[in-house]
C-alpha cells in the first residue's frame, strides 16, 4: 500500500514533467506509463498533470528542433537513416505541419523524427511548436479526460 499512498499524497507534477521531457529527447517509454496510474488514484488533478506532460514534452521537442535546426547535416548524417529521412520528407510534402499534430497525438508514430526533419528543413519554429502543442494537448488532455471520467469505475473494478 506504500506505492498507492505515495501516489495519492505526493504532487506528481514535477515527476511527470521530467518524464515527459526525457521522453521527448531520448526515453523510449512514453509518460503514459506513469501518467495513467497517477491519474487513476488522483483523477481530480488531471488538468494540472496533463499540463505538466504537455509542457515537458513540447520543451523537450523544442530542444531537439533547435539542435536539428542549427546542426542539421551533422545530426541527420549521424543519427537518422536515409530511408527515414526520405519517409519524413514525403510525409511533410503530403501533409505539411499537420503531420506533426497526428504524429504527436499517438505514441506509436515517430514524432521525434518528424521534429528533427522539420528542423533540418528549416521550417518556421512557431509553426512547428504550435502544431506540436496542439497534438500533445489533444493527447494528454484526452487521456486525462477519459481517466477522470472513467477512472472511478476502473479503480473500483481493480479493487
Protein backbone atom coordinates (compact mmCIF):
# COMPACT_ATOMS: atom_id res chain seq x y z
CA UNK A 1 0.00 0.00 0.00
CA UNK A 2 3.05 2.27 0.19
CA UNK A 3 3.14 2.97 -3.54
CA UNK A 4 -0.56 3.87 -3.68
CA UNK A 5 -0.11 6.10 -0.65
CA UNK A 6 2.86 7.82 -2.32
CA UNK A 7 0.80 8.38 -5.49
CA UNK A 8 -2.13 9.83 -3.57
CA UNK A 9 -0.24 12.03 -1.11
CA UNK A 10 2.54 13.44 -3.26
CA UNK A 11 2.29 16.00 -6.05
CA UNK A 12 3.44 14.11 -9.14
CA UNK A 13 3.60 17.13 -11.48
CA UNK A 14 7.40 17.57 -11.48
CA UNK A 15 7.88 13.83 -11.94
CA UNK A 16 5.54 13.84 -14.96
CA UNK A 17 7.27 16.93 -16.38
CA UNK A 18 10.73 15.30 -16.15
CA UNK A 19 9.44 12.03 -17.57
CA UNK A 20 7.75 13.83 -20.48
CA UNK A 21 10.83 15.95 -21.18
CA UNK A 22 13.07 12.86 -21.16
CA UNK A 23 10.62 11.00 -23.38
CA UNK A 24 10.75 13.78 -25.95
CA UNK A 25 14.53 13.59 -26.13
CA UNK A 26 15.73 10.03 -25.52
CA UNK A 27 13.43 7.94 -23.36
CA UNK A 28 11.69 5.26 -25.43
CA UNK A 29 8.87 4.78 -22.90
CA UNK A 30 6.07 7.33 -23.01
CA UNK A 31 4.93 9.26 -19.94
CA UNK A 32 1.62 7.39 -20.12
CA UNK A 33 3.34 4.60 -18.17
CA UNK A 34 3.22 6.87 -15.12
CA UNK A 35 0.52 9.33 -16.18
CA UNK A 36 -2.28 6.75 -16.32
CA UNK A 37 -1.66 5.15 -12.90
CA UNK A 38 -1.16 8.54 -11.28
CA UNK A 39 -4.46 9.77 -12.67
CA UNK A 40 -6.19 6.56 -11.61
CA UNK A 41 -5.58 7.44 -7.95
CA UNK A 42 -5.86 11.24 -8.25
CA UNK A 43 -8.05 11.89 -11.26
CA UNK A 44 -9.21 15.24 -9.89
CA UNK A 45 -5.76 16.66 -10.74
CA UNK A 46 -5.87 15.67 -14.40
CA UNK A 47 -5.78 19.26 -15.69
CA UNK A 48 -2.54 20.16 -13.95
CA UNK A 49 -0.91 16.77 -14.56
CA UNK A 50 -1.82 16.84 -18.25
CA UNK A 51 -0.35 20.34 -18.48
CA UNK A 52 2.92 19.15 -16.91
CA UNK A 53 3.10 16.39 -19.53
CA UNK A 54 2.34 18.74 -22.42
CA UNK A 55 4.84 21.39 -21.34
CA UNK A 56 7.61 18.88 -20.58
CA UNK A 57 7.15 17.08 -23.87
CA UNK A 58 6.95 20.20 -26.01
CA UNK A 59 10.01 21.76 -24.33
CA UNK A 60 11.97 18.57 -24.97
CA UNK A 61 10.88 18.60 -28.60
CA UNK A 62 11.85 22.28 -28.86
CA UNK A 63 15.36 21.29 -27.78
CA UNK A 64 15.50 18.58 -30.46
CA UNK A 65 14.17 21.01 -33.07
CA UNK A 66 16.77 23.64 -32.13
CA UNK A 67 19.65 21.17 -32.31
CA UNK A 68 18.49 19.82 -35.66
CA UNK A 69 17.91 23.35 -36.99
CA UNK A 70 21.46 24.51 -36.29
CA UNK A 71 23.35 21.26 -36.81
CA UNK A 72 21.08 19.65 -39.37
CA UNK A 73 23.55 17.95 -41.70
CA UNK A 74 25.68 16.51 -38.91
CA UNK A 75 22.61 15.43 -36.99
CA UNK A 76 20.98 13.75 -39.97
CA UNK A 77 24.13 12.01 -41.19
CA UNK A 78 24.90 10.61 -37.76
CA UNK A 79 21.52 9.68 -36.27
CA UNK A 80 18.91 9.18 -39.00
CA UNK A 81 18.94 6.66 -41.80
CA UNK A 82 18.43 7.85 -45.36
CA UNK A 83 15.24 5.79 -45.57
CA UNK A 84 13.70 7.57 -42.57
CA UNK A 85 14.71 10.95 -43.96
CA UNK A 86 13.00 10.19 -47.26
CA UNK A 87 9.85 8.98 -45.50
CA UNK A 88 9.78 12.09 -43.30
CA UNK A 89 10.22 14.45 -46.23
CA UNK A 90 7.47 12.56 -48.07
CA UNK A 91 5.13 12.92 -45.09
CA UNK A 92 5.82 16.67 -44.88
CA UNK A 93 5.34 17.16 -48.60
CA UNK A 94 1.95 15.40 -48.38
CA UNK A 95 0.52 16.71 -45.13
CA UNK A 96 2.63 19.71 -44.17
CA UNK A 97 2.86 20.55 -40.47
CA UNK A 98 -0.40 18.67 -39.81
CA UNK A 99 1.78 15.57 -39.85
CA UNK A 100 3.24 16.82 -36.55
CA UNK A 101 -0.22 17.01 -34.98
CA UNK A 102 -1.15 13.48 -35.99
CA UNK A 103 2.23 12.01 -35.07
CA UNK A 104 2.36 13.73 -31.70
CA UNK A 105 -1.15 12.62 -30.73
CA UNK A 106 -0.36 8.91 -30.88
CA UNK A 107 2.60 7.32 -29.11
CA UNK A 108 3.25 4.80 -31.90
CA UNK A 109 4.27 7.36 -34.51
CA UNK A 110 7.90 8.52 -34.77
CA UNK A 111 7.17 12.15 -33.94
CA UNK A 112 10.77 12.82 -32.85
CA UNK A 113 12.00 12.05 -36.36
CA UNK A 114 9.43 14.43 -37.83
CA UNK A 115 10.58 17.15 -35.42
CA UNK A 116 14.21 16.54 -36.39
CA UNK A 117 13.34 16.66 -40.08
CA UNK A 118 11.29 19.83 -39.61
CA UNK A 119 14.36 21.44 -38.02
CA UNK A 120 16.59 20.19 -40.81
CA UNK A 121 14.16 21.54 -43.41
CA UNK A 122 14.28 24.90 -41.58
CA UNK A 123 10.53 25.07 -41.09
CA UNK A 124 9.31 28.06 -39.10
CA UNK A 125 9.71 27.41 -35.39
CA UNK A 126 6.41 28.99 -34.40
CA UNK A 127 4.55 26.73 -36.85
CA UNK A 128 6.30 23.59 -35.62
CA UNK A 129 5.74 24.41 -31.95
CA UNK A 130 2.11 25.41 -32.48
CA UNK A 131 1.29 22.13 -34.18
CA UNK A 132 3.23 20.11 -31.61
CA UNK A 133 1.44 21.92 -28.80
CA UNK A 134 -1.90 21.16 -30.42
CA UNK A 135 -1.10 17.47 -30.85
CA UNK A 136 0.33 16.99 -27.36
CA UNK A 137 -2.56 18.89 -25.78
CA UNK A 138 -5.08 16.67 -27.54
CA UNK A 139 -3.12 13.59 -26.48
CA UNK A 140 -2.60 14.25 -22.79
CA UNK A 141 -5.83 16.10 -22.08
CA UNK A 142 -7.71 13.39 -23.98
CA UNK A 143 -6.13 10.70 -21.79
CA UNK A 144 -6.73 12.79 -18.70
CA UNK A 145 -10.36 13.44 -19.52
CA UNK A 146 -11.08 9.78 -20.19
CA UNK A 147 -9.38 8.68 -16.99
CA UNK A 148 -11.08 11.40 -14.95
CA UNK A 149 -14.46 10.29 -16.27
CA UNK A 150 -13.82 6.54 -16.22
CA UNK A 151 -11.17 6.34 -13.52
CA UNK A 152 -13.51 5.82 -10.59
CA UNK A 153 -15.26 2.87 -12.20
CA UNK A 154 -11.93 1.35 -13.31
CA UNK A 155 -10.45 1.78 -9.82
CA UNK A 156 -13.49 0.06 -8.27
CA UNK A 157 -13.14 -2.76 -10.79
CA UNK A 158 -9.45 -3.23 -9.97
CA UNK A 159 -10.10 -3.45 -6.25
